[in-house]
Amino acid sequence: MITLLGVGAAAALGAVARYLLDQYVQYRRPGAFPRGTWLVNISGSFALGLVVGLGARHGLPEQVLTIVGAGFCGAYTTFSTFSHELVRLYEQGQTGKSLLYGASSLLVGLAAVTAGFAVTTL
């Protein structure tokens, strides 16, 4: 029951953090490219890499891993918004930005989770 409540509380924090960061980035750098969502997903990938690495290499308790990983990171990152924005860019005739957004999100996201995991070995 504690894990369930922890996941719910962490998810609430993750969703609020995602919204605030996305809005801040879009306010500071408006434009068609979804910079806010991109930054959220990359930073969330890095954070998840850190947490998984701490679990795998330093004994972070499974309960904490679940709360932070599934709760906070799961609510903080957003595949649905990424998908919607990718399609929206394409439908608006911005094929280049759509391809850049999709490819960079996947490649940099993978690099970020790998870097987060690698940091735990230092």
Protein backbone atom coordinates (compact mmCIF):
# COMPACT_ATOMS: atom_id res chain seq x y z
CA MET A 1 0.00 0.00 0.00
CA ILE A 2 2.89 2.38 0.76
CA THR A 3 4.36 1.81 -2.70
CA LEU A 4 0.99 2.50 -4.34
CA LEU A 5 0.57 5.77 -2.45
CA GLY A 6 4.18 6.70 -3.17
CA VAL A 7 3.73 6.11 -6.90
CA GLY A 8 0.58 8.26 -6.86
CA ALA A 9 2.27 11.11 -4.99
CA ALA A 10 5.39 10.94 -7.17
CA ALA A 11 3.23 10.87 -10.30
CA ALA A 12 1.44 14.02 -9.16
CA LEU A 13 4.79 15.74 -8.68
CA GLY A 14 6.06 14.48 -12.04
CA ALA A 15 2.99 15.71 -13.91
CA VAL A 16 3.23 19.16 -12.32
CA ALA A 17 6.97 19.34 -13.00
CA ARG A 18 6.39 18.36 -16.64
CA TYR A 19 3.73 21.02 -17.08
CA LEU A 20 5.81 23.76 -15.46
CA LEU A 21 8.99 22.99 -17.40
CA ASP A 22 7.14 22.68 -20.70
CA GLN A 23 5.32 25.96 -20.18
CA TYR A 24 8.50 27.75 -19.11
CA VAL A 25 10.48 26.55 -22.12
CA GLN A 26 7.68 27.31 -24.58
CA TYR A 27 7.26 30.78 -23.05
CA ARG A 28 10.99 31.53 -23.29
CA ARG A 29 11.46 29.99 -26.75
CA PRO A 30 8.15 29.99 -28.63
CA GLY A 31 7.96 28.33 -32.00
CA ALA A 32 6.70 25.30 -33.86
CA PHE A 33 9.40 22.94 -32.53
CA PRO A 34 8.15 21.43 -29.23
CA ARG A 35 11.24 22.28 -27.17
CA GLY A 36 9.45 21.90 -23.85
CA THR A 37 8.31 18.34 -24.45
CA TRP A 38 11.70 17.49 -25.94
CA LEU A 39 13.54 18.75 -22.84
CA VAL A 40 11.11 17.02 -20.50
CA ASN A 41 11.56 13.68 -22.23
CA ILE A 42 15.35 13.96 -22.40
CA SER A 43 15.74 15.01 -18.76
CA GLY A 44 13.28 12.31 -17.71
CA SER A 45 15.28 9.71 -19.61
CA PHE A 46 18.44 10.83 -17.82
CA ALA A 47 16.68 10.72 -14.44
CA LEU A 48 15.35 7.22 -15.12
CA GLY A 49 18.84 6.08 -16.13
CA LEU A 50 20.18 7.40 -12.83
CA VAL A 51 17.51 5.67 -10.78
CA VAL A 52 17.86 2.34 -12.58
CA GLY A 53 21.64 2.55 -12.26
CA LEU A 54 21.36 3.27 -8.55
CA GLY A 55 19.10 0.26 -8.22
CA ALA A 56 21.32 -2.04 -10.25
CA ARG A 57 24.69 -0.94 -8.93
CA HIS A 58 24.14 0.56 -5.50
CA GLY A 59 21.22 -1.31 -4.02
CA LEU A 60 18.55 1.38 -4.24
CA PRO A 61 15.52 -0.34 -2.72
CA GLU A 62 12.99 -1.71 -5.22
CA GLN A 63 10.23 0.33 -3.58
CA VAL A 64 12.12 3.58 -4.21
CA LEU A 65 12.91 2.52 -7.76
CA THR A 66 9.22 1.88 -8.41
CA ILE A 67 8.08 5.13 -6.83
CA VAL A 68 10.61 7.30 -8.65
CA GLY A 69 10.76 5.32 -11.90
CA ALA A 70 7.12 4.44 -12.49
CA GLY A 71 5.66 7.31 -10.47
CA PHE A 72 7.70 10.45 -11.04
CA CYS A 73 9.49 9.59 -14.30
CA GLY A 74 6.42 7.89 -15.74
CA ALA A 75 4.27 10.96 -15.21
CA TYR A 76 7.03 13.46 -15.97
CA THR A 77 7.86 12.08 -19.41
CA THR A 78 5.21 11.90 -22.07
CA PHE A 79 5.07 9.62 -25.07
CA SER A 80 1.52 10.65 -25.96
CA THR A 81 2.38 14.35 -26.22
CA PHE A 82 5.53 13.49 -28.17
CA SER A 83 3.46 11.44 -30.63
CA HIS A 84 0.81 14.13 -31.00
CA GLU A 85 3.36 16.88 -31.60
CA LEU A 86 5.24 14.74 -34.11
CA VAL A 87 2.08 14.15 -36.15
CA ARG A 88 1.00 17.81 -35.78
CA LEU A 89 4.30 19.05 -37.21
CA TYR A 90 3.97 16.66 -40.14
CA GLU A 91 0.35 17.66 -40.81
CA GLN A 92 1.37 21.32 -40.81
CA GLY A 93 3.79 20.59 -43.62
CA GLN A 94 6.85 20.87 -41.39
CA THR A 95 8.29 17.52 -42.41
CA GLY A 96 11.89 18.49 -41.63
CA LYS A 97 11.02 19.63 -38.10
CA SER A 98 8.91 16.53 -37.62
CA LEU A 99 11.81 14.26 -38.63
CA LEU A 100 14.27 16.26 -36.51
CA TYR A 101 11.96 16.11 -33.50
CA GLY A 102 11.33 12.37 -33.81
CA ALA A 103 14.91 11.34 -34.52
CA SER A 104 16.50 13.64 -31.95
CA SER A 105 14.00 12.63 -29.27
CA LEU A 106 14.82 8.96 -29.76
CA LEU A 107 18.59 9.30 -30.19
CA VAL A 108 19.19 11.89 -27.49
CA GLY A 109 16.74 10.13 -25.17
CA LEU A 110 18.66 6.88 -25.53
CA ALA A 111 21.93 8.72 -24.97
CA ALA A 112 20.48 10.44 -21.89
CA VAL A 113 19.28 7.23 -20.24
CA THR A 114 22.65 5.63 -21.01
CA ALA A 115 24.48 8.63 -19.55
CA GLY A 116 22.32 8.57 -16.43
CA PHE A 117 23.03 4.88 -15.96
CA ALA A 118 26.74 5.42 -16.58
CA VAL A 119 26.95 8.18 -13.97
CA THR A 120 26.13 5.63 -11.30
CA THR A 121 29.43 3.86 -11.94
CA LEU A 122 31.56 6.90 -11.14
